Amino acid sequence: MTKKARITIFILSLALALIFGGLDYESHAVLDLFLNKGNLLALCVYTLLFMSTGYTGVWIYTEAKSVLKKNRSRI
């Protein structure tokens, strides 16, 4: 996996975590997400969760691509 793909997954995961954190009815600003210790922990957990989902998706895609490539070469 390239460095660009890893950075893209991280940025997208962080953006999704910030969006979900911003949807919280108690926070009125993005800065509130970083000032509260509980919110910061939740942002880290959500970011890691989205990153693991992204890496799993990329892994499934690359494995499926290699299996299809092997099957085409047999025919």
N, C-alpha and C. Protein backbone atom coordinates (compact mmCIF):
# COMPACT_ATOMS: atom_id res chain seq x y z
N MET A 1 0.85 -1.17 0.00
CA MET A 1 0.00 0.00 0.00
C MET A 1 0.90 1.24 0.00
N THR A 2 0.54 2.18 -0.81
CA THR A 2 1.36 3.37 -0.94
C THR A 2 1.13 4.33 0.23
N LYS A 3 2.07 5.23 0.39
CA LYS A 3 1.98 6.23 1.45
C LYS A 3 0.78 7.16 1.22
N LYS A 4 0.51 7.44 -0.05
CA LYS A 4 -0.62 8.31 -0.39
C LYS A 4 -1.95 7.67 0.04
N ALA A 5 -2.08 6.36 -0.16
CA ALA A 5 -3.30 5.66 0.23
C ALA A 5 -3.45 5.67 1.75
N ARG A 6 -2.37 5.48 2.47
CA ARG A 6 -2.43 5.50 3.94
C ARG A 6 -2.83 6.87 4.47
N ILE A 7 -2.29 7.92 3.89
CA ILE A 7 -2.63 9.28 4.31
C ILE A 7 -4.08 9.58 3.97
N THR A 8 -4.54 9.14 2.82
CA THR A 8 -5.92 9.36 2.42
C THR A 8 -6.89 8.67 3.37
N ILE A 9 -6.59 7.44 3.75
CA ILE A 9 -7.44 6.71 4.68
C ILE A 9 -7.47 7.43 6.03
N PHE A 10 -6.32 7.91 6.49
CA PHE A 10 -6.28 8.61 7.78
C PHE A 10 -7.10 9.90 7.73
N ILE A 11 -6.94 10.68 6.68
CA ILE A 11 -7.65 11.96 6.57
C ILE A 11 -9.16 11.72 6.47
N LEU A 12 -9.58 10.76 5.67
CA LEU A 12 -11.00 10.46 5.56
C LEU A 12 -11.58 9.95 6.88
N SER A 13 -10.81 9.13 7.58
CA SER A 13 -11.27 8.62 8.87
C SER A 13 -11.41 9.73 9.90
N LEU A 14 -10.44 10.62 9.94
CA LEU A 14 -10.50 11.75 10.87
C LEU A 14 -11.65 12.67 10.52
N ALA A 15 -11.88 12.89 9.23
CA ALA A 15 -12.99 13.75 8.81
C ALA A 15 -14.33 13.14 9.21
N LEU A 16 -14.48 11.84 9.02
CA LEU A 16 -15.73 11.18 9.42
C LEU A 16 -15.93 11.24 10.93
N ALA A 17 -14.85 11.07 11.69
CA ALA A 17 -14.96 11.15 13.15
C ALA A 17 -15.35 12.57 13.58
N LEU A 18 -14.80 13.57 12.92
CA LEU A 18 -15.16 14.96 13.24
C LEU A 18 -16.60 15.26 12.87
N ILE A 19 -17.05 14.71 11.75
CA ILE A 19 -18.45 14.92 11.35
C ILE A 19 -19.39 14.30 12.37
N PHE A 20 -19.11 13.05 12.76
CA PHE A 20 -19.96 12.40 13.75
C PHE A 20 -19.87 13.09 15.11
N GLY A 21 -18.70 13.59 15.45
CA GLY A 21 -18.56 14.34 16.70
C GLY A 21 -19.30 15.66 16.65
N GLY A 22 -19.32 16.30 15.50
CA GLY A 22 -20.04 17.56 15.33
C GLY A 22 -21.54 17.39 15.34
N LEU A 23 -22.02 16.19 15.06
CA LEU A 23 -23.46 15.94 15.09
C LEU A 23 -24.00 15.79 16.50
N ASP A 24 -23.08 15.75 17.47
CA ASP A 24 -23.49 15.67 18.86
C ASP A 24 -24.25 16.94 19.24
N TYR A 25 -25.36 16.79 19.90
CA TYR A 25 -26.21 17.95 20.18
C TYR A 25 -25.60 18.88 21.22
N GLU A 26 -24.63 18.42 22.01
CA GLU A 26 -24.05 19.24 23.06
C GLU A 26 -22.92 20.15 22.56
N SER A 27 -22.29 19.79 21.46
CA SER A 27 -21.16 20.60 20.99
C SER A 27 -21.67 21.69 20.04
N HIS A 28 -21.21 22.89 20.29
CA HIS A 28 -21.63 24.03 19.48
C HIS A 28 -20.52 24.50 18.53
N ALA A 29 -19.32 24.00 18.73
CA ALA A 29 -18.20 24.38 17.87
C ALA A 29 -17.25 23.19 17.76
N VAL A 30 -16.46 23.19 16.72
CA VAL A 30 -15.50 22.11 16.52
C VAL A 30 -14.45 22.14 17.63
N LEU A 31 -14.13 23.32 18.14
CA LEU A 31 -13.16 23.43 19.21
C LEU A 31 -13.63 22.71 20.47
N ASP A 32 -14.94 22.65 20.70
CA ASP A 32 -15.47 21.93 21.85
C ASP A 32 -15.14 20.44 21.79
N LEU A 33 -15.00 19.91 20.59
CA LEU A 33 -14.66 18.50 20.44
C LEU A 33 -13.28 18.19 20.98
N PHE A 34 -12.37 19.14 20.89
CA PHE A 34 -11.00 18.91 21.32
C PHE A 34 -10.74 19.33 22.76
N LEU A 35 -11.59 20.17 23.34
CA LEU A 35 -11.36 20.64 24.70
C LEU A 35 -11.85 19.67 25.76
N ASN A 36 -12.89 18.92 25.46
CA ASN A 36 -13.42 17.96 26.42
C ASN A 36 -12.66 16.66 26.29
N LYS A 37 -12.18 16.14 27.42
CA LYS A 37 -11.35 14.93 27.39
C LYS A 37 -12.12 13.72 26.86
N GLY A 38 -13.39 13.59 27.23
CA GLY A 38 -14.20 12.47 26.74
C GLY A 38 -14.43 12.53 25.25
N ASN A 39 -14.64 13.75 24.73
CA ASN A 39 -14.83 13.90 23.29
C ASN A 39 -13.56 13.55 22.52
N LEU A 40 -12.42 13.93 23.06
CA LEU A 40 -11.15 13.64 22.40
C LEU A 40 -10.90 12.14 22.33
N LEU A 41 -11.23 11.44 23.40
CA LEU A 41 -11.09 9.99 23.41
C LEU A 41 -12.03 9.35 22.39
N ALA A 42 -13.25 9.85 22.32
CA ALA A 42 -14.21 9.32 21.35
C ALA A 42 -13.74 9.58 19.92
N LEU A 43 -13.17 10.76 19.66
CA LEU A 43 -12.65 11.06 18.32
C LEU A 43 -11.53 10.10 17.94
N CYS A 44 -10.65 9.80 18.89
CA CYS A 44 -9.56 8.86 18.61
C CYS A 44 -10.10 7.46 18.33
N VAL A 45 -11.06 7.02 19.12
CA VAL A 45 -11.63 5.68 18.93
C VAL A 45 -12.36 5.60 17.59
N TYR A 46 -13.16 6.62 17.27
CA TYR A 46 -13.87 6.61 15.99
C TYR A 46 -12.90 6.66 14.81
N THR A 47 -11.84 7.44 14.95
CA THR A 47 -10.84 7.51 13.87
C THR A 47 -10.20 6.15 13.65
N LEU A 48 -9.82 5.48 14.73
CA LEU A 48 -9.22 4.15 14.61
C LEU A 48 -10.21 3.14 14.03
N LEU A 49 -11.47 3.26 14.42
CA LEU A 49 -12.49 2.36 13.89
C LEU A 49 -12.67 2.55 12.38
N PHE A 50 -12.76 3.80 11.94
CA PHE A 50 -12.91 4.06 10.51
C PHE A 50 -11.65 3.67 9.74
N MET A 51 -10.48 3.86 10.35
CA MET A 51 -9.25 3.46 9.68
C MET A 51 -9.20 1.94 9.50
N SER A 52 -9.59 1.21 10.53
CA SER A 52 -9.57 -0.25 10.40
C SER A 52 -10.56 -0.73 9.34
N THR A 53 -11.70 -0.07 9.26
CA THR A 53 -12.67 -0.41 8.22
C THR A 53 -12.10 -0.09 6.83
N GLY A 54 -11.44 1.05 6.71
CA GLY A 54 -10.84 1.42 5.42
C GLY A 54 -9.74 0.47 5.00
N TYR A 55 -8.85 0.10 5.95
CA TYR A 55 -7.79 -0.84 5.62
C TYR A 55 -8.35 -2.22 5.25
N THR A 56 -9.40 -2.64 5.93
CA THR A 56 -10.03 -3.91 5.61
C THR A 56 -10.63 -3.88 4.20
N GLY A 57 -11.27 -2.77 3.85
CA GLY A 57 -11.83 -2.63 2.52
C GLY A 57 -10.76 -2.66 1.44
N VAL A 58 -9.65 -1.99 1.68
CA VAL A 58 -8.55 -1.99 0.71
C VAL A 58 -7.96 -3.39 0.59
N TRP A 59 -7.81 -4.07 1.71
CA TRP A 59 -7.27 -5.43 1.68
C TRP A 59 -8.19 -6.38 0.91
N ILE A 60 -9.50 -6.30 1.14
CA ILE A 60 -10.45 -7.14 0.42
C ILE A 60 -10.40 -6.84 -1.07
N TYR A 61 -10.30 -5.57 -1.43
CA TYR A 61 -10.23 -5.18 -2.84
C TYR A 61 -8.98 -5.75 -3.51
N THR A 62 -7.83 -5.62 -2.86
CA THR A 62 -6.59 -6.09 -3.48
C THR A 62 -6.56 -7.62 -3.57
N GLU A 63 -7.09 -8.30 -2.55
CA GLU A 63 -7.13 -9.77 -2.61
C GLU A 63 -8.09 -10.25 -3.70
N ALA A 64 -9.24 -9.61 -3.81
CA ALA A 64 -10.19 -10.00 -4.86
C ALA A 64 -9.60 -9.74 -6.24
N LYS A 65 -8.89 -8.65 -6.37
CA LYS A 65 -8.26 -8.31 -7.64
C LYS A 65 -7.20 -9.35 -8.02
N SER A 66 -6.40 -9.80 -7.05
CA SER A 66 -5.37 -10.80 -7.35
C SER A 66 -5.99 -12.17 -7.66
N VAL A 67 -7.08 -12.52 -6.97
CA VAL A 67 -7.74 -13.80 -7.25
C VAL A 67 -8.35 -13.78 -8.65
N LEU A 68 -8.98 -12.68 -9.02
CA LEU A 68 -9.55 -12.59 -10.37
C LEU A 68 -8.47 -12.62 -11.44
N LYS A 69 -7.33 -12.02 -11.14
CA LYS A 69 -6.22 -12.03 -12.09
C LYS A 69 -5.69 -13.45 -12.28
N LYS A 70 -5.60 -14.22 -11.19
CA LYS A 70 -5.15 -15.61 -11.29
C LYS A 70 -6.14 -16.47 -12.06
N ASN A 71 -7.44 -16.25 -11.83
CA ASN A 71 -8.45 -17.03 -12.53
C ASN A 71 -8.47 -16.72 -14.02
N ARG A 72 -8.22 -15.51 -14.40
CA ARG A 72 -8.19 -15.15 -15.83
C ARG A 72 -6.98 -15.77 -16.52
N SER A 73 -5.87 -15.90 -15.80
CA SER A 73 -4.68 -16.47 -16.42
C SER A 73 -4.83 -17.98 -16.63
N ARG A 74 -5.67 -18.63 -15.87
CA ARG A 74 -5.89 -20.08 -16.03
C ARG A 74 -6.73 -20.39 -17.26
N ILE A 75 -7.58 -19.47 -17.64
CA ILE A 75 -8.48 -19.72 -18.76
C ILE A 75 -7.79 -19.61 -20.07
